[in-house]
Amino acid sequence: MHQRFVEIPFGLLETATLDQLLSVFVTRQGYDSTALEQVDQWVAQLRTQLQRGELVIMHDIETESTEVMTLQQAKSFAQGLKEE
């Protein structure tokens, strides 16, 4: 990844922090999250995707923000930065 970004291993995060990051990802991706139970189900599925390496957690050193991305999103994003 680009020097500006650091991949954060999900196992290093506190459970509550990881759950919050995944909850934000759920709402941004347009999952049906009208009920708390649904959000919890999506978060559990996303945690499994993290374990399989399908999702990554990236920290932007410049903006001090952290995002959950699909592996494909992260690769595309990094490629776009290289072209700049």
C-alpha atoms as a PDB file:
ATOM      1  CA  MET A   1       0.000   0.000   0.000  1.00  0.00           C
ATOM      2  CA  HIS A   2       0.917   3.616  -0.369  1.00  0.00           C
ATOM      3  CA  GLN A   3       3.153   5.082   2.393  1.00  0.00           C
ATOM      4  CA  ARG A   4       0.287   7.238   3.586  1.00  0.00           C
ATOM      5  CA  PHE A   5      -1.765   4.155   4.503  1.00  0.00           C
ATOM      6  CA  VAL A   6      -1.153   1.434   7.044  1.00  0.00           C
ATOM      7  CA  GLU A   7      -3.060  -1.825   7.167  1.00  0.00           C
ATOM      8  CA  ILE A   8      -4.237  -2.542  10.698  1.00  0.00           C
ATOM      9  CA  PRO A   9      -4.484  -6.243  11.591  1.00  0.00           C
ATOM     10  CA  PHE A  10      -8.010  -6.652  12.928  1.00  0.00           C
ATOM     11  CA  GLY A  11      -6.790  -8.868  15.774  1.00  0.00           C
ATOM     12  CA  LEU A  12      -4.970  -5.907  17.314  1.00  0.00           C
ATOM     13  CA  LEU A  13      -8.174  -3.930  17.813  1.00  0.00           C
ATOM     14  CA  GLU A  14     -10.351  -4.043  20.898  1.00  0.00           C
ATOM     15  CA  THR A  15     -13.599  -5.910  20.213  1.00  0.00           C
ATOM     16  CA  ALA A  16     -15.740  -2.797  20.738  1.00  0.00           C
ATOM     17  CA  THR A  17     -13.561  -0.754  18.368  1.00  0.00           C
ATOM     18  CA  LEU A  18     -13.686  -3.419  15.679  1.00  0.00           C
ATOM     19  CA  ASP A  19     -17.451  -3.775  16.052  1.00  0.00           C
ATOM     20  CA  GLN A  20     -17.889  -0.019  15.668  1.00  0.00           C
ATOM     21  CA  LEU A  21     -15.727   0.081  12.524  1.00  0.00           C
ATOM     22  CA  LEU A  22     -17.711  -2.791  11.038  1.00  0.00           C
ATOM     23  CA  SER A  23     -21.021  -1.129  11.986  1.00  0.00           C
ATOM     24  CA  VAL A  24     -19.967   2.028  10.139  1.00  0.00           C
ATOM     25  CA  PHE A  25     -18.984  -0.095   7.129  1.00  0.00           C
ATOM     26  CA  VAL A  26     -22.440  -1.720   7.190  1.00  0.00           C
ATOM     27  CA  THR A  27     -24.252   1.619   7.127  1.00  0.00           C
ATOM     28  CA  ARG A  28     -22.005   3.093   4.411  1.00  0.00           C
ATOM     29  CA  GLN A  29     -22.347   0.079   2.142  1.00  0.00           C
ATOM     30  CA  GLY A  30     -26.138   0.266   2.188  1.00  0.00           C
ATOM     31  CA  TYR A  31     -26.828  -2.977   4.024  1.00  0.00           C
ATOM     32  CA  ASP A  32     -30.366  -3.289   5.346  1.00  0.00           C
ATOM     33  CA  SER A  33     -29.597  -2.089   8.850  1.00  0.00           C
ATOM     34  CA  THR A  34     -32.963  -0.946  10.113  1.00  0.00           C
ATOM     35  CA  ALA A  35     -32.811  -3.177  13.186  1.00  0.00           C
ATOM     36  CA  LEU A  36     -29.985  -3.614  15.669  1.00  0.00           C
ATOM     37  CA  GLU A  37     -30.186  -7.400  15.251  1.00  0.00           C
ATOM     38  CA  GLN A  38     -29.566  -7.015  11.526  1.00  0.00           C
ATOM     39  CA  VAL A  39     -26.514  -4.845  12.151  1.00  0.00           C
ATOM     40  CA  ASP A  40     -25.181  -7.439  14.580  1.00  0.00           C
ATOM     41  CA  GLN A  41     -25.671 -10.168  11.969  1.00  0.00           C
ATOM     42  CA  TRP A  42     -23.873  -8.143   9.300  1.00  0.00           C
ATOM     43  CA  VAL A  43     -21.031  -7.337  11.704  1.00  0.00           C
ATOM     44  CA  ALA A  44     -20.614 -11.048  12.444  1.00  0.00           C
ATOM     45  CA  GLN A  45     -20.472 -11.808   8.718  1.00  0.00           C
ATOM     46  CA  LEU A  46     -17.958  -9.021   8.141  1.00  0.00           C
ATOM     47  CA  ARG A  47     -15.788 -10.334  10.967  1.00  0.00           C
ATOM     48  CA  THR A  48     -15.694 -13.673   9.109  1.00  0.00           C
ATOM     49  CA  GLN A  49     -14.714 -11.852   5.914  1.00  0.00           C
ATOM     50  CA  LEU A  50     -11.869 -10.166   7.809  1.00  0.00           C
ATOM     51  CA  GLN A  51     -10.669 -13.552   9.002  1.00  0.00           C
ATOM     52  CA  ARG A  52     -10.715 -14.857   5.422  1.00  0.00           C
ATOM     53  CA  GLY A  53      -8.765 -11.811   4.196  1.00  0.00           C
ATOM     54  CA  GLU A  54     -11.608 -10.454   2.058  1.00  0.00           C
ATOM     55  CA  LEU A  55     -11.725  -7.193   4.028  1.00  0.00           C
ATOM     56  CA  VAL A  56      -8.903  -5.017   5.324  1.00  0.00           C
ATOM     57  CA  ILE A  57      -8.703  -2.179   7.811  1.00  0.00           C
ATOM     58  CA  MET A  58      -6.709   0.760   6.517  1.00  0.00           C
ATOM     59  CA  HIS A  59      -5.525   3.753   8.525  1.00  0.00           C
ATOM     60  CA  ASP A  60      -4.815   7.017   6.699  1.00  0.00           C
ATOM     61  CA  ILE A  61      -1.905   8.670   8.494  1.00  0.00           C
ATOM     62  CA  GLU A  62      -2.558  12.037   6.845  1.00  0.00           C
ATOM     63  CA  THR A  63      -6.234  12.352   7.808  1.00  0.00           C
ATOM     64  CA  GLU A  64      -6.015  10.125  10.898  1.00  0.00           C
ATOM     65  CA  SER A  65      -9.045   8.166   9.734  1.00  0.00           C
ATOM     66  CA  THR A  66      -9.575   4.434   9.660  1.00  0.00           C
ATOM     67  CA  GLU A  67     -11.721   2.601   7.135  1.00  0.00           C
ATOM     68  CA  VAL A  68     -12.826  -0.939   6.450  1.00  0.00           C
ATOM     69  CA  MET A  69     -12.485  -1.811   2.777  1.00  0.00           C
ATOM     70  CA  THR A  70     -12.866  -4.838   0.631  1.00  0.00           C
ATOM     71  CA  LEU A  71      -9.540  -6.120  -0.589  1.00  0.00           C
ATOM     72  CA  GLN A  72     -10.521  -5.024  -4.091  1.00  0.00           C
ATOM     73  CA  GLN A  73     -11.397  -1.502  -2.885  1.00  0.00           C
ATOM     74  CA  ALA A  74      -8.037  -1.202  -1.141  1.00  0.00           C
ATOM     75  CA  LYS A  75      -6.156  -2.344  -4.257  1.00  0.00           C
ATOM     76  CA  SER A  76      -8.103   0.028  -6.496  1.00  0.00           C
ATOM     77  CA  PHE A  77      -7.577   2.902  -4.094  1.00  0.00           C
ATOM     78  CA  ALA A  78      -3.841   2.263  -3.883  1.00  0.00           C
ATOM     79  CA  GLN A  79      -3.627   2.031  -7.675  1.00  0.00           C
ATOM     80  CA  GLY A  80      -5.367   5.391  -7.992  1.00  0.00           C
ATOM     81  CA  LEU A  81      -2.842   6.963  -5.638  1.00  0.00           C
ATOM     82  CA  LYS A  82       0.077   5.630  -7.684  1.00  0.00           C
ATOM     83  CA  GLU A  83      -1.308   7.296 -10.804  1.00  0.00           C
ATOM     84  CA  GLU A  84      -1.462  10.726  -9.140  1.00  0.00           C
END
